[in-house]
Amino acid sequence: MNNSEGNIRNRSFDDIWEDENSFAYNRKPKLEDLKGFCSTCVHKESCKGGCSLNMKNRDGDVYCLYKIENKGFSD
């Protein structure tokens, strides 16, 4: 995964920020990468697993309020 979206010496900040392909890892996460509870959650289309680091956690997003309210802190 490439987290470098550009150099402001070569492109303006606005150009980098507004580019629809920039920050794809955060703007367009792959729902098939969701793990654990998140992979079957009814809210996965809108939530996308929360933070990009948590979405790949084997148990899903550990800070998910929906999960906590419905399953509790521990599974």
Protein backbone atom coordinates (compact mmCIF):
# COMPACT_ATOMS: atom_id res chain seq x y z
CA MET A 1 0.00 0.00 0.00
CA ASN A 2 1.33 3.41 -0.97
CA ASN A 3 0.55 6.14 1.53
CA SER A 4 2.42 8.87 -0.35
CA GLU A 5 -0.09 10.91 -2.33
CA GLY A 6 2.20 13.47 -3.86
CA ASN A 7 4.73 16.18 -3.29
CA ILE A 8 3.57 19.77 -2.81
CA ARG A 9 6.69 20.88 -4.66
CA ASN A 10 5.27 19.22 -7.79
CA ARG A 11 1.50 19.65 -7.28
CA SER A 12 -0.52 22.02 -5.16
CA PHE A 13 -1.98 20.76 -1.90
CA ASP A 14 -5.49 21.34 -3.30
CA ASP A 15 -4.73 19.22 -6.39
CA ILE A 16 -3.47 16.37 -4.23
CA TRP A 17 -6.38 16.63 -1.76
CA GLU A 18 -9.11 16.90 -4.42
CA ASP A 19 -7.74 14.08 -6.61
CA GLU A 20 -10.34 11.28 -6.40
CA ASN A 21 -7.55 8.69 -6.53
CA SER A 22 -5.63 10.19 -3.61
CA PHE A 23 -6.05 8.56 -0.22
CA ALA A 24 -7.90 5.60 -1.76
CA TYR A 25 -6.82 3.44 1.18
CA ASN A 26 -9.02 5.64 3.37
CA ARG A 27 -11.67 6.91 0.95
CA LYS A 28 -12.33 3.63 -0.87
CA PRO A 29 -11.59 0.76 1.49
CA LYS A 30 -12.28 -2.73 0.20
CA LEU A 31 -15.21 -4.24 2.11
CA GLU A 32 -13.88 -7.74 1.42
CA ASP A 33 -10.90 -6.84 3.67
CA LEU A 34 -13.16 -6.48 6.71
CA LYS A 35 -12.54 -9.06 9.41
CA GLY A 36 -14.48 -10.56 12.31
CA PHE A 37 -17.72 -8.91 13.37
CA CYS A 38 -17.27 -6.13 10.80
CA SER A 39 -17.38 -8.57 7.87
CA THR A 40 -21.01 -9.49 8.66
CA CYS A 41 -22.22 -6.20 10.14
CA VAL A 42 -25.35 -4.58 8.69
CA HIS A 43 -23.60 -1.18 8.79
CA LYS A 44 -20.42 -2.15 6.92
CA GLU A 45 -21.42 -0.23 3.76
CA SER A 46 -21.51 3.09 5.62
CA CYS A 47 -19.01 2.45 8.43
CA LYS A 48 -16.40 0.59 6.35
CA GLY A 49 -14.92 -0.90 9.50
CA GLY A 50 -14.03 2.38 11.16
CA CYS A 51 -10.39 3.42 11.21
CA SER A 52 -8.32 1.91 8.41
CA LEU A 53 -6.08 0.18 10.97
CA ASN A 54 -9.00 -1.31 12.89
CA MET A 55 -10.80 -2.57 9.79
CA LYS A 56 -8.04 -5.15 9.23
CA ASN A 57 -7.98 -6.29 12.86
CA ARG A 58 -8.96 -9.98 13.01
CA ASP A 59 -11.83 -9.13 15.39
CA GLY A 60 -12.96 -6.04 13.48
CA ASP A 61 -13.07 -2.54 14.97
CA VAL A 62 -12.60 -2.99 18.71
CA TYR A 63 -14.04 0.50 19.33
CA CYS A 64 -17.26 -0.10 17.40
CA LEU A 65 -20.19 1.18 19.48
CA TYR A 66 -22.67 -0.93 17.51
CA LYS A 67 -20.72 -4.08 18.37
CA ILE A 68 -20.29 -3.06 22.02
CA GLU A 69 -23.99 -2.29 22.41
CA ASN A 70 -25.08 -5.55 20.77
CA LYS A 71 -22.42 -8.02 21.88
CA GLY A 72 -20.70 -6.34 24.83
CA PHE A 73 -16.98 -5.71 25.24
CA SER A 74 -16.00 -9.35 25.01
CA ASP A 75 -17.24 -11.83 22.42
